């Protein structure tokens, strides 16, 4: 069995009021205290904090990977241009040993 509800029509009924709540990103309605409470929990509770932290950690990890790859490409280009290892290390702000290891691969 399927139930279809039209959220476009706002009439003076409880079901219409409920459907209007689902169109909002944040709401608190005394007519629907359980839904209001649960929406707050989902948006501002522990689950939300865990998700935000996971996304931040992922973004940080990806940014570090991208920066490392960019540095590696820069090191390779500077080496191909004949730049000395010590100058390359200074240019990319890294130690010479890491630069040597990257160029050996």
N, C-alpha and C. Protein backbone atom coordinates (compact mmCIF):
# COMPACT_ATOMS: atom_id res chain seq x y z
N UNK A 1 0.84 -1.18 0.00
CA UNK A 1 0.00 0.00 0.00
C UNK A 1 0.89 1.25 0.00
N UNK A 2 0.56 2.20 -0.81
CA UNK A 2 1.32 3.44 -0.90
C UNK A 2 0.43 4.61 -0.49
N UNK A 3 1.07 5.57 0.12
CA UNK A 3 0.36 6.80 0.50
C UNK A 3 1.11 7.96 -0.14
N UNK A 4 0.39 8.79 -0.84
CA UNK A 4 0.97 9.97 -1.46
C UNK A 4 0.40 11.21 -0.79
N UNK A 5 1.27 12.14 -0.47
CA UNK A 5 0.84 13.35 0.20
C UNK A 5 1.37 14.54 -0.59
N UNK A 6 0.53 15.49 -0.81
CA UNK A 6 0.90 16.68 -1.55
C UNK A 6 1.39 17.76 -0.59
N UNK A 7 2.67 18.10 -0.68
CA UNK A 7 3.21 19.15 0.19
C UNK A 7 3.03 20.54 -0.41
N UNK A 8 2.56 20.60 -1.65
CA UNK A 8 2.37 21.89 -2.31
C UNK A 8 1.14 22.62 -1.79
N UNK A 9 0.15 21.85 -1.41
CA UNK A 9 -1.10 22.45 -0.96
C UNK A 9 -1.05 22.64 0.56
N UNK A 10 -1.16 23.87 0.98
CA UNK A 10 -1.17 24.18 2.41
C UNK A 10 -2.60 24.55 2.80
N UNK A 11 -3.27 23.60 3.42
CA UNK A 11 -4.64 23.86 3.84
C UNK A 11 -4.72 23.82 5.36
N UNK A 12 -5.85 24.06 5.89
CA UNK A 12 -6.02 24.12 7.33
C UNK A 12 -6.35 22.73 7.88
N UNK A 13 -5.33 21.85 7.87
CA UNK A 13 -5.52 20.51 8.41
C UNK A 13 -4.23 20.06 9.10
N UNK A 14 -4.35 19.11 9.98
CA UNK A 14 -3.20 18.61 10.71
C UNK A 14 -2.18 17.96 9.78
N UNK A 15 -2.65 17.17 8.83
CA UNK A 15 -1.73 16.50 7.89
C UNK A 15 -1.01 17.51 7.02
N UNK A 16 -1.70 18.56 6.62
CA UNK A 16 -1.08 19.61 5.83
C UNK A 16 -0.01 20.32 6.65
N UNK A 17 -0.30 20.61 7.91
CA UNK A 17 0.69 21.25 8.79
C UNK A 17 1.92 20.36 8.96
N UNK A 18 1.68 19.07 9.12
CA UNK A 18 2.79 18.13 9.26
C UNK A 18 3.65 18.11 8.00
N UNK A 19 3.03 18.06 6.85
CA UNK A 19 3.79 18.03 5.59
C UNK A 19 4.60 19.31 5.40
N UNK A 20 4.08 20.43 5.86
CA UNK A 20 4.82 21.69 5.77
C UNK A 20 6.08 21.64 6.62
N UNK A 21 6.00 20.92 7.75
CA UNK A 21 7.18 20.76 8.61
C UNK A 21 8.31 20.06 7.86
N UNK A 22 7.97 19.08 7.05
CA UNK A 22 8.99 18.32 6.32
C UNK A 22 9.67 19.14 5.23
N UNK A 23 9.07 20.24 4.86
CA UNK A 23 9.68 21.11 3.85
C UNK A 23 10.71 22.05 4.44
N UNK A 24 10.72 22.17 5.76
CA UNK A 24 11.63 23.10 6.43
C UNK A 24 12.92 22.38 6.83
N UNK A 25 14.02 23.10 6.85
CA UNK A 25 15.29 22.51 7.26
C UNK A 25 15.44 22.48 8.77
N UNK A 26 14.77 23.37 9.44
CA UNK A 26 14.81 23.43 10.90
C UNK A 26 13.43 23.89 11.37
N UNK A 27 12.85 23.14 12.26
CA UNK A 27 11.54 23.58 12.73
C UNK A 27 11.29 23.09 14.14
N UNK A 28 10.39 23.79 14.79
CA UNK A 28 9.89 23.37 16.09
C UNK A 28 8.41 23.71 16.09
N UNK A 29 7.61 22.70 16.28
CA UNK A 29 6.16 22.89 16.23
C UNK A 29 5.55 22.16 17.41
N UNK A 30 4.78 22.89 18.21
CA UNK A 30 4.13 22.30 19.39
C UNK A 30 3.12 21.21 19.02
N UNK A 31 2.61 21.26 17.81
CA UNK A 31 1.66 20.23 17.37
C UNK A 31 2.35 18.88 17.18
N UNK A 32 3.67 18.93 16.90
CA UNK A 32 4.43 17.71 16.60
C UNK A 32 5.70 17.66 17.45
N UNK A 33 5.55 17.50 18.75
CA UNK A 33 6.71 17.56 19.64
C UNK A 33 7.74 16.44 19.40
N UNK A 34 7.27 15.25 19.08
CA UNK A 34 8.21 14.14 18.86
C UNK A 34 9.05 14.35 17.61
N UNK A 35 8.42 14.81 16.55
CA UNK A 35 9.16 15.07 15.32
C UNK A 35 10.12 16.24 15.53
N UNK A 36 9.65 17.27 16.21
CA UNK A 36 10.51 18.44 16.48
C UNK A 36 11.74 18.02 17.28
N UNK A 37 11.53 17.22 18.32
CA UNK A 37 12.64 16.76 19.16
C UNK A 37 13.62 15.92 18.35
N UNK A 38 13.09 15.00 17.55
CA UNK A 38 13.96 14.11 16.77
C UNK A 38 14.75 14.88 15.72
N UNK A 39 14.14 15.87 15.10
CA UNK A 39 14.86 16.68 14.12
C UNK A 39 16.01 17.42 14.78
N UNK A 40 15.78 17.94 15.99
CA UNK A 40 16.86 18.62 16.71
C UNK A 40 17.99 17.64 17.03
N UNK A 41 17.62 16.44 17.45
CA UNK A 41 18.64 15.43 17.77
C UNK A 41 19.47 15.09 16.55
N UNK A 42 18.82 14.92 15.44
CA UNK A 42 19.54 14.55 14.21
C UNK A 42 20.42 15.69 13.70
N UNK A 43 19.91 16.91 13.77
CA UNK A 43 20.66 18.05 13.24
C UNK A 43 21.72 18.58 14.18
N UNK A 44 21.48 18.48 15.48
CA UNK A 44 22.38 19.12 16.42
C UNK A 44 22.87 18.18 17.52
N UNK A 45 22.62 16.92 17.37
CA UNK A 45 22.99 15.97 18.40
C UNK A 45 24.32 15.30 18.13
N UNK A 46 24.54 14.21 18.84
CA UNK A 46 25.80 13.47 18.74
C UNK A 46 26.06 12.93 17.34
N UNK A 47 25.00 12.43 16.69
CA UNK A 47 25.19 11.88 15.35
C UNK A 47 25.71 12.94 14.39
N UNK A 48 25.17 14.15 14.53
CA UNK A 48 25.60 15.26 13.68
C UNK A 48 27.07 15.60 13.94
N UNK A 49 27.45 15.62 15.21
CA UNK A 49 28.84 15.92 15.56
C UNK A 49 29.79 14.85 15.02
N UNK A 50 29.38 13.58 15.13
CA UNK A 50 30.22 12.49 14.61
C UNK A 50 30.39 12.62 13.10
N UNK A 51 29.30 12.93 12.41
CA UNK A 51 29.36 13.05 10.96
C UNK A 51 30.25 14.23 10.57
N UNK A 52 30.09 15.35 11.24
CA UNK A 52 30.92 16.53 10.95
C UNK A 52 32.40 16.22 11.17
N UNK A 53 32.69 15.54 12.26
CA UNK A 53 34.08 15.20 12.56
C UNK A 53 34.64 14.25 11.50
N UNK A 54 33.85 13.28 11.08
CA UNK A 54 34.30 12.35 10.05
C UNK A 54 34.58 13.06 8.73
N UNK A 55 33.70 13.98 8.37
CA UNK A 55 33.87 14.74 7.13
C UNK A 55 35.11 15.62 7.22
N UNK A 56 35.31 16.27 8.36
CA UNK A 56 36.49 17.12 8.56
C UNK A 56 37.78 16.30 8.47
N UNK A 57 37.79 15.13 9.10
CA UNK A 57 38.98 14.27 9.07
C UNK A 57 39.26 13.80 7.65
N UNK A 58 38.21 13.44 6.92
CA UNK A 58 38.37 13.01 5.53
C UNK A 58 38.92 14.15 4.68
N UNK A 59 38.36 15.34 4.85
CA UNK A 59 38.82 16.49 4.06
C UNK A 59 40.27 16.83 4.39
N UNK A 60 40.63 16.73 5.65
CA UNK A 60 42.01 17.01 6.04
C UNK A 60 42.97 16.00 5.44
N UNK A 61 42.58 14.73 5.49
CA UNK A 61 43.42 13.67 4.92
C UNK A 61 43.60 13.86 3.41
N UNK A 62 42.51 14.18 2.72
CA UNK A 62 42.58 14.38 1.27
C UNK A 62 43.42 15.62 0.93
N UNK A 63 43.32 16.67 1.74
CA UNK A 63 44.11 17.87 1.50
C UNK A 63 45.60 17.58 1.66
N UNK A 64 45.94 16.79 2.68
CA UNK A 64 47.34 16.42 2.89
C UNK A 64 47.86 15.58 1.74
N UNK A 65 47.05 14.64 1.27
CA UNK A 65 47.44 13.81 0.14
C UNK A 65 47.66 14.65 -1.11
N UNK A 66 46.76 15.59 -1.35
CA UNK A 66 46.88 16.46 -2.52
C UNK A 66 48.11 17.34 -2.42
N UNK A 67 48.39 17.87 -1.23
CA UNK A 67 49.57 18.71 -1.04
C UNK A 67 50.85 17.91 -1.25
N UNK A 68 50.86 16.68 -0.77
CA UNK A 68 52.04 15.83 -0.93
C UNK A 68 52.26 15.51 -2.41
N UNK A 69 51.19 15.21 -3.11
CA UNK A 69 51.31 14.90 -4.55
C UNK A 69 51.78 16.13 -5.32
N UNK A 70 51.28 17.30 -4.98
CA UNK A 70 51.72 18.53 -5.64
C UNK A 70 53.20 18.79 -5.37
N UNK A 71 53.62 18.57 -4.13
CA UNK A 71 55.03 18.77 -3.78
C UNK A 71 55.91 17.79 -4.55
N UNK A 72 55.45 16.54 -4.64
CA UNK A 72 56.22 15.52 -5.38
C UNK A 72 56.39 15.92 -6.84
N UNK A 73 55.32 16.39 -7.46
CA UNK A 73 55.40 16.81 -8.86
C UNK A 73 56.34 18.00 -9.03
N UNK A 74 56.29 18.93 -8.08
CA UNK A 74 57.18 20.10 -8.12
C UNK A 74 58.63 19.65 -8.00
N UNK A 75 58.89 18.73 -7.07
CA UNK A 75 60.24 18.20 -6.87
C UNK A 75 60.74 17.57 -8.17
N UNK A 76 59.91 16.76 -8.79
CA UNK A 76 60.31 16.10 -10.04
C UNK A 76 60.60 17.12 -11.15
N UNK A 77 59.76 18.13 -11.27
CA UNK A 77 59.97 19.15 -12.31
C UNK A 77 61.26 19.93 -12.07
N UNK A 78 61.48 20.32 -10.81
CA UNK A 78 62.70 21.07 -10.50
C UNK A 78 63.94 20.22 -10.74
N UNK A 79 63.85 18.94 -10.42
CA UNK A 79 64.97 18.03 -10.67
C UNK A 79 65.22 17.88 -12.17
N UNK A 80 64.15 17.76 -12.94
CA UNK A 80 64.28 17.66 -14.40
C UNK A 80 64.90 18.91 -15.00
N UNK A 81 64.72 20.05 -14.35
CA UNK A 81 65.30 21.30 -14.81
C UNK A 81 66.76 21.43 -14.38
N UNK A 82 67.24 20.44 -13.62
CA UNK A 82 68.63 20.44 -13.21
C UNK A 82 68.93 21.16 -11.92
N UNK A 83 67.91 21.46 -11.13
CA UNK A 83 68.12 22.16 -9.88
C UNK A 83 68.76 21.22 -8.86
N UNK A 84 69.65 21.77 -8.07
CA UNK A 84 70.35 21.02 -7.03
C UNK A 84 69.36 20.58 -5.94
N UNK A 85 69.62 19.40 -5.36
CA UNK A 85 68.74 18.83 -4.32
C UNK A 85 68.54 19.81 -3.15
N UNK A 86 69.60 20.46 -2.73
CA UNK A 86 69.48 21.39 -1.59
C UNK A 86 68.57 22.56 -1.93
N UNK A 87 68.64 23.04 -3.17
CA UNK A 87 67.76 24.14 -3.59
C UNK A 87 66.31 23.67 -3.69
N UNK A 88 66.13 22.45 -4.21
CA UNK A 88 64.77 21.89 -4.29
C UNK A 88 64.18 21.77 -2.89
N UNK A 89 64.96 21.22 -1.96
CA UNK A 89 64.49 21.06 -0.59
C UNK A 89 64.09 22.40 0.01
N UNK A 90 64.87 23.41 -0.26
CA UNK A 90 64.58 24.75 0.24
C UNK A 90 63.32 25.31 -0.41
N UNK A 91 63.17 25.06 -1.71
CA UNK A 91 62.02 25.60 -2.45
C UNK A 91 60.70 25.00 -1.99
N UNK A 92 60.71 23.70 -1.65
CA UNK A 92 59.46 23.05 -1.24
C UNK A 92 59.37 22.88 0.27
N UNK A 93 60.36 23.43 0.99
CA UNK A 93 60.38 23.40 2.45
C UNK A 93 60.31 21.97 3.00
N UNK A 94 61.24 21.14 2.49
CA UNK A 94 61.32 19.74 2.93
C UNK A 94 62.79 19.39 3.15
N UNK A 95 63.00 18.25 3.81
CA UNK A 95 64.38 17.84 4.04
C UNK A 95 64.93 17.13 2.79
N UNK A 96 66.24 17.22 2.63
CA UNK A 96 66.90 16.67 1.44
C UNK A 96 66.74 15.16 1.34
N UNK A 97 66.70 14.46 2.47
CA UNK A 97 66.58 13.00 2.45
C UNK A 97 65.25 12.57 1.82
N UNK A 98 64.19 13.25 2.16
CA UNK A 98 62.87 12.93 1.57
C UNK A 98 62.90 13.19 0.06
N UNK A 99 63.51 14.29 -0.31
CA UNK A 99 63.62 14.62 -1.73
C UNK A 99 64.37 13.51 -2.47
N UNK A 100 65.49 13.07 -1.92
CA UNK A 100 66.27 12.00 -2.54
C UNK A 100 65.46 10.71 -2.67
N UNK A 101 64.70 10.39 -1.62
CA UNK A 101 63.87 9.19 -1.67
C UNK A 101 62.81 9.29 -2.75
N UNK A 102 62.19 10.44 -2.89
CA UNK A 102 61.19 10.61 -3.91
C UNK A 102 61.78 10.47 -5.30
N UNK A 103 62.97 11.01 -5.48
CA UNK A 103 63.59 10.99 -6.82
C UNK A 103 64.14 9.61 -7.18
N UNK A 104 64.39 8.77 -6.19
CA UNK A 104 64.88 7.41 -6.47
C UNK A 104 63.77 6.52 -7.00
N UNK A 105 62.53 6.84 -6.69
CA UNK A 105 61.41 5.99 -7.10
C UNK A 105 61.05 6.15 -8.53
